[in-house]
């Protein structure tokens, strides 16, 4: 079965989001493939006229969360952060590497929201639907994530708060 043309047009954005989530090219490619496979199997669940891109990102998000849960613990290994190759634009490459490393240090919930709103340019409401959380949660995670990202990039100490149950 050949994928529909409107699925194919979303591949570049799906790949970019998957790479940002997984921080690994081969894992990202697997995530995109799994997302497209699920989309084709469940295509009858997509409502024509609704935003196909948001539906695909929701599928990808759910698959990613399932993979993260299956591969606990959810600790980010800073030594495993990949460096960006430094070429002719050394300063740009160094800045990109710093942003990549700072994003990797964010909790996955904050990183997802920053990537959806900042990189993929989804609105807050669309991001909330994709992530399956209330709008206020998206806004809160985005605010905290941006502040923590700013602190990390500025070299300021990041205060960790303890979760109280």
C-alpha atoms as a PDB file:
ATOM      1  CA  UNK A   1       0.000   0.000   0.000  1.00  0.00           C
ATOM      2  CA  UNK A   2       1.489   3.344  -1.021  1.00  0.00           C
ATOM      3  CA  UNK A   3       1.250   6.204   1.460  1.00  0.00           C
ATOM      4  CA  UNK A   4      -1.138   8.964   0.528  1.00  0.00           C
ATOM      5  CA  UNK A   5       0.508  12.074  -0.950  1.00  0.00           C
ATOM      6  CA  UNK A   6      -0.697  14.228   1.929  1.00  0.00           C
ATOM      7  CA  UNK A   7       1.150  11.962   4.396  1.00  0.00           C
ATOM      8  CA  UNK A   8       4.356  12.286   2.405  1.00  0.00           C
ATOM      9  CA  UNK A   9       4.310  16.083   2.473  1.00  0.00           C
ATOM     10  CA  UNK A  10       4.584  15.950   6.288  1.00  0.00           C
ATOM     11  CA  UNK A  11       7.699  13.749   6.331  1.00  0.00           C
ATOM     12  CA  UNK A  12      10.279  16.567   6.703  1.00  0.00           C
ATOM     13  CA  UNK A  13       8.512  18.008   9.764  1.00  0.00           C
ATOM     14  CA  UNK A  14       7.956  14.565  11.270  1.00  0.00           C
ATOM     15  CA  UNK A  15      11.635  13.718  10.815  1.00  0.00           C
ATOM     16  CA  UNK A  16      12.757  17.023  12.336  1.00  0.00           C
ATOM     17  CA  UNK A  17      10.492  16.600  15.369  1.00  0.00           C
ATOM     18  CA  UNK A  18      11.517  12.952  15.800  1.00  0.00           C
ATOM     19  CA  UNK A  19      15.211  13.879  15.684  1.00  0.00           C
ATOM     20  CA  UNK A  20      14.696  16.590  18.260  1.00  0.00           C
ATOM     21  CA  UNK A  21      12.805  14.190  20.537  1.00  0.00           C
ATOM     22  CA  UNK A  22      15.112  11.193  20.260  1.00  0.00           C
ATOM     23  CA  UNK A  23      18.428  13.000  19.657  1.00  0.00           C
ATOM     24  CA  UNK A  24      19.456  10.029  17.485  1.00  0.00           C
ATOM     25  CA  UNK A  25      19.103   9.784  13.710  1.00  0.00           C
ATOM     26  CA  UNK A  26      18.351   6.064  13.503  1.00  0.00           C
ATOM     27  CA  UNK A  27      15.882   6.170  16.423  1.00  0.00           C
ATOM     28  CA  UNK A  28      14.219   9.173  14.792  1.00  0.00           C
ATOM     29  CA  UNK A  29      13.888   7.332  11.493  1.00  0.00           C
ATOM     30  CA  UNK A  30      12.368   4.364  13.334  1.00  0.00           C
ATOM     31  CA  UNK A  31       9.939   6.684  15.128  1.00  0.00           C
ATOM     32  CA  UNK A  32       8.865   8.282  11.840  1.00  0.00           C
ATOM     33  CA  UNK A  33       8.413   4.859  10.262  1.00  0.00           C
ATOM     34  CA  UNK A  34       6.380   3.644  13.232  1.00  0.00           C
ATOM     35  CA  UNK A  35       4.277   6.816  13.078  1.00  0.00           C
ATOM     36  CA  UNK A  36       3.537   6.399   9.381  1.00  0.00           C
ATOM     37  CA  UNK A  37       2.763   2.726   9.856  1.00  0.00           C
ATOM     38  CA  UNK A  38       0.299   3.548  12.636  1.00  0.00           C
ATOM     39  CA  UNK A  39      -1.183   6.368  10.548  1.00  0.00           C
ATOM     40  CA  UNK A  40      -1.814   4.028   7.634  1.00  0.00           C
ATOM     41  CA  UNK A  41      -3.348   1.364   9.855  1.00  0.00           C
ATOM     42  CA  UNK A  42      -5.567   3.891  11.651  1.00  0.00           C
ATOM     43  CA  UNK A  43      -6.247   6.219   8.722  1.00  0.00           C
ATOM     44  CA  UNK A  44      -9.969   5.580   9.083  1.00  0.00           C
ATOM     45  CA  UNK A  45      -9.786   7.306  12.505  1.00  0.00           C
ATOM     46  CA  UNK A  46      -8.575  10.572  10.962  1.00  0.00           C
ATOM     47  CA  UNK A  47     -11.429  12.985  10.288  1.00  0.00           C
ATOM     48  CA  UNK A  48     -11.170  14.507   6.812  1.00  0.00           C
ATOM     49  CA  UNK A  49     -11.093  18.265   7.099  1.00  0.00           C
ATOM     50  CA  UNK A  50      -9.193  18.202  10.387  1.00  0.00           C
ATOM     51  CA  UNK A  51      -5.487  19.021  10.633  1.00  0.00           C
ATOM     52  CA  UNK A  52      -3.609  15.966   9.345  1.00  0.00           C
ATOM     53  CA  UNK A  53      -0.274  17.364  10.582  1.00  0.00           C
ATOM     54  CA  UNK A  54      -1.576  17.670  14.150  1.00  0.00           C
ATOM     55  CA  UNK A  55      -2.987  14.137  13.985  1.00  0.00           C
ATOM     56  CA  UNK A  56       0.383  12.765  12.789  1.00  0.00           C
ATOM     57  CA  UNK A  57       2.240  14.642  15.530  1.00  0.00           C
ATOM     58  CA  UNK A  58      -0.194  13.252  18.104  1.00  0.00           C
ATOM     59  CA  UNK A  59       0.502   9.724  16.867  1.00  0.00           C
ATOM     60  CA  UNK A  60       4.253  10.387  17.014  1.00  0.00           C
ATOM     61  CA  UNK A  61       4.030  11.875  20.491  1.00  0.00           C
ATOM     62  CA  UNK A  62       2.110   8.880  21.816  1.00  0.00           C
ATOM     63  CA  UNK A  63       4.559   6.435  20.238  1.00  0.00           C
ATOM     64  CA  UNK A  64       7.511   8.349  21.686  1.00  0.00           C
ATOM     65  CA  UNK A  65       5.987   8.418  25.183  1.00  0.00           C
ATOM     66  CA  UNK A  66       5.371   4.664  24.994  1.00  0.00           C
ATOM     67  CA  UNK A  67       9.005   4.116  23.990  1.00  0.00           C
ATOM     68  CA  UNK A  68      10.263   6.323  26.826  1.00  0.00           C
ATOM     69  CA  UNK A  69       8.126   4.481  29.338  1.00  0.00           C
ATOM     70  CA  UNK A  70       9.384   1.149  28.032  1.00  0.00           C
ATOM     71  CA  UNK A  71      13.018   2.269  28.365  1.00  0.00           C
ATOM     72  CA  UNK A  72      13.055   3.698  31.892  1.00  0.00           C
ATOM     73  CA  UNK A  73      14.922   5.330  33.613  1.00  0.00           C
ATOM     74  CA  UNK A  74      14.201   8.689  31.985  1.00  0.00           C
ATOM     75  CA  UNK A  75      17.524  10.293  32.894  1.00  0.00           C
ATOM     76  CA  UNK A  76      19.353  12.393  30.312  1.00  0.00           C
ATOM     77  CA  UNK A  77      22.994  11.424  29.991  1.00  0.00           C
ATOM     78  CA  UNK A  78      24.807  14.664  29.235  1.00  0.00           C
ATOM     79  CA  UNK A  79      27.861  12.753  28.019  1.00  0.00           C
ATOM     80  CA  UNK A  80      25.673  11.102  25.402  1.00  0.00           C
ATOM     81  CA  UNK A  81      24.633  14.457  23.904  1.00  0.00           C
ATOM     82  CA  UNK A  82      25.884  14.504  20.375  1.00  0.00           C
ATOM     83  CA  UNK A  83      28.124  17.355  19.248  1.00  0.00           C
ATOM     84  CA  UNK A  84      27.341  19.210  16.079  1.00  0.00           C
ATOM     85  CA  UNK A  85      30.190  19.132  13.579  1.00  0.00           C
ATOM     86  CA  UNK A  86      32.037  22.457  13.448  1.00  0.00           C
ATOM     87  CA  UNK A  87      32.734  23.629   9.934  1.00  0.00           C
ATOM     88  CA  UNK A  88      33.185  27.001   8.274  1.00  0.00           C
ATOM     89  CA  UNK A  89      30.584  28.673  10.509  1.00  0.00           C
ATOM     90  CA  UNK A  90      32.179  27.723  13.805  1.00  0.00           C
ATOM     91  CA  UNK A  91      30.300  30.226  15.938  1.00  0.00           C
ATOM     92  CA  UNK A  92      26.921  29.191  14.524  1.00  0.00           C
ATOM     93  CA  UNK A  93      27.779  25.533  14.964  1.00  0.00           C
ATOM     94  CA  UNK A  94      28.898  26.125  18.551  1.00  0.00           C
ATOM     95  CA  UNK A  95      25.694  28.037  19.329  1.00  0.00           C
ATOM     96  CA  UNK A  96      23.647  25.235  17.754  1.00  0.00           C
ATOM     97  CA  UNK A  97      25.533  22.654  19.800  1.00  0.00           C
ATOM     98  CA  UNK A  98      24.861  24.642  22.977  1.00  0.00           C
ATOM     99  CA  UNK A  99      21.149  24.894  22.165  1.00  0.00           C
ATOM    100  CA  UNK A 100      21.034  21.166  21.379  1.00  0.00           C
ATOM    101  CA  UNK A 101      22.749  20.328  24.676  1.00  0.00           C
ATOM    102  CA  UNK A 102      20.481  22.695  26.630  1.00  0.00           C
ATOM    103  CA  UNK A 103      17.363  21.201  25.024  1.00  0.00           C
ATOM    104  CA  UNK A 104      18.620  17.730  25.951  1.00  0.00           C
ATOM    105  CA  UNK A 105      18.815  18.806  29.595  1.00  0.00           C
ATOM    106  CA  UNK A 106      15.180  19.910  29.703  1.00  0.00           C
ATOM    107  CA  UNK A 107      12.582  17.499  31.044  1.00  0.00           C
ATOM    108  CA  UNK A 108      10.883  15.736  28.142  1.00  0.00           C
ATOM    109  CA  UNK A 109       7.563  17.480  28.896  1.00  0.00           C
ATOM    110  CA  UNK A 110       9.127  20.939  28.522  1.00  0.00           C
ATOM    111  CA  UNK A 111      11.213  19.938  25.490  1.00  0.00           C
ATOM    112  CA  UNK A 112       8.128  18.620  23.654  1.00  0.00           C
ATOM    113  CA  UNK A 113       6.192  21.849  24.177  1.00  0.00           C
ATOM    114  CA  UNK A 114       9.130  24.047  23.145  1.00  0.00           C
ATOM    115  CA  UNK A 115       9.641  21.987  19.989  1.00  0.00           C
ATOM    116  CA  UNK A 116       5.962  21.950  19.044  1.00  0.00           C
ATOM    117  CA  UNK A 117       5.360  25.660  19.670  1.00  0.00           C
ATOM    118  CA  UNK A 118       8.776  27.109  18.866  1.00  0.00           C
ATOM    119  CA  UNK A 119      10.069  24.884  16.094  1.00  0.00           C
ATOM    120  CA  UNK A 120       6.977  23.391  14.506  1.00  0.00           C
ATOM    121  CA  UNK A 121       4.900  26.560  15.068  1.00  0.00           C
ATOM    122  CA  UNK A 122       1.817  24.850  16.445  1.00  0.00           C
ATOM    123  CA  UNK A 123      -0.532  27.071  18.438  1.00  0.00           C
ATOM    124  CA  UNK A 124      -0.959  26.453  22.146  1.00  0.00           C
ATOM    125  CA  UNK A 125      -4.323  24.777  21.596  1.00  0.00           C
ATOM    126  CA  UNK A 126      -2.936  22.502  18.887  1.00  0.00           C
ATOM    127  CA  UNK A 127       0.037  21.569  21.096  1.00  0.00           C
ATOM    128  CA  UNK A 128      -2.350  20.796  23.957  1.00  0.00           C
ATOM    129  CA  UNK A 129      -4.386  18.462  21.729  1.00  0.00           C
ATOM    130  CA  UNK A 130      -1.241  16.750  20.398  1.00  0.00           C
ATOM    131  CA  UNK A 131       0.141  16.177  23.895  1.00  0.00           C
ATOM    132  CA  UNK A 132      -3.233  15.365  25.428  1.00  0.00           C
ATOM    133  CA  UNK A 133      -2.908  17.962  28.195  1.00  0.00           C
ATOM    134  CA  UNK A 134      -4.899  21.081  29.139  1.00  0.00           C
ATOM    135  CA  UNK A 135      -4.040  24.408  27.501  1.00  0.00           C
ATOM    136  CA  UNK A 136      -2.816  25.821  30.824  1.00  0.00           C
ATOM    137  CA  UNK A 137      -0.368  22.943  31.162  1.00  0.00           C
ATOM    138  CA  UNK A 138       1.110  23.749  27.750  1.00  0.00           C
ATOM    139  CA  UNK A 139       1.483  27.399  28.706  1.00  0.00           C
ATOM    140  CA  UNK A 140       3.049  26.506  32.053  1.00  0.00           C
ATOM    141  CA  UNK A 141       5.475  23.979  30.551  1.00  0.00           C
ATOM    142  CA  UNK A 142       6.421  26.423  27.813  1.00  0.00           C
ATOM    143  CA  UNK A 143       7.081  29.206  30.301  1.00  0.00           C
ATOM    144  CA  UNK A 144       9.159  26.982  32.597  1.00  0.00           C
ATOM    145  CA  UNK A 145      10.970  25.410  29.662  1.00  0.00           C
ATOM    146  CA  UNK A 146      11.882  28.752  28.115  1.00  0.00           C
ATOM    147  CA  UNK A 147      13.139  30.066  31.452  1.00  0.00           C
ATOM    148  CA  UNK A 148      15.191  26.961  32.111  1.00  0.00           C
ATOM    149  CA  UNK A 149      16.571  27.031  28.559  1.00  0.00           C
ATOM    150  CA  UNK A 150      17.530  30.688  29.029  1.00  0.00           C
ATOM    151  CA  UNK A 151      19.299  29.835  32.298  1.00  0.00           C
ATOM    152  CA  UNK A 152      21.155  26.909  30.738  1.00  0.00           C
ATOM    153  CA  UNK A 153      22.309  28.968  27.759  1.00  0.00           C
ATOM    154  CA  UNK A 154      23.381  31.842  30.023  1.00  0.00           C
ATOM    155  CA  UNK A 155      25.352  29.463  32.252  1.00  0.00           C
ATOM    156  CA  UNK A 156      23.234  30.319  35.277  1.00  0.00           C
ATOM    157  CA  UNK A 157      22.612  27.679  37.917  1.00  0.00           C
ATOM    158  CA  UNK A 158      19.305  25.901  37.459  1.00  0.00           C
ATOM    159  CA  UNK A 159      17.373  25.392  40.665  1.00  0.00           C
ATOM    160  CA  UNK A 160      15.704  21.984  40.808  1.00  0.00           C
ATOM    161  CA  UNK A 161      12.464  21.847  42.726  1.00  0.00           C
ATOM    162  CA  UNK A 162      11.454  18.675  44.502  1.00  0.00           C
ATOM    163  CA  UNK A 163       8.077  17.218  43.562  1.00  0.00           C
ATOM    164  CA  UNK A 164       5.885  16.884  46.623  1.00  0.00           C
ATOM    165  CA  UNK A 165       3.073  14.332  46.508  1.00  0.00           C
END
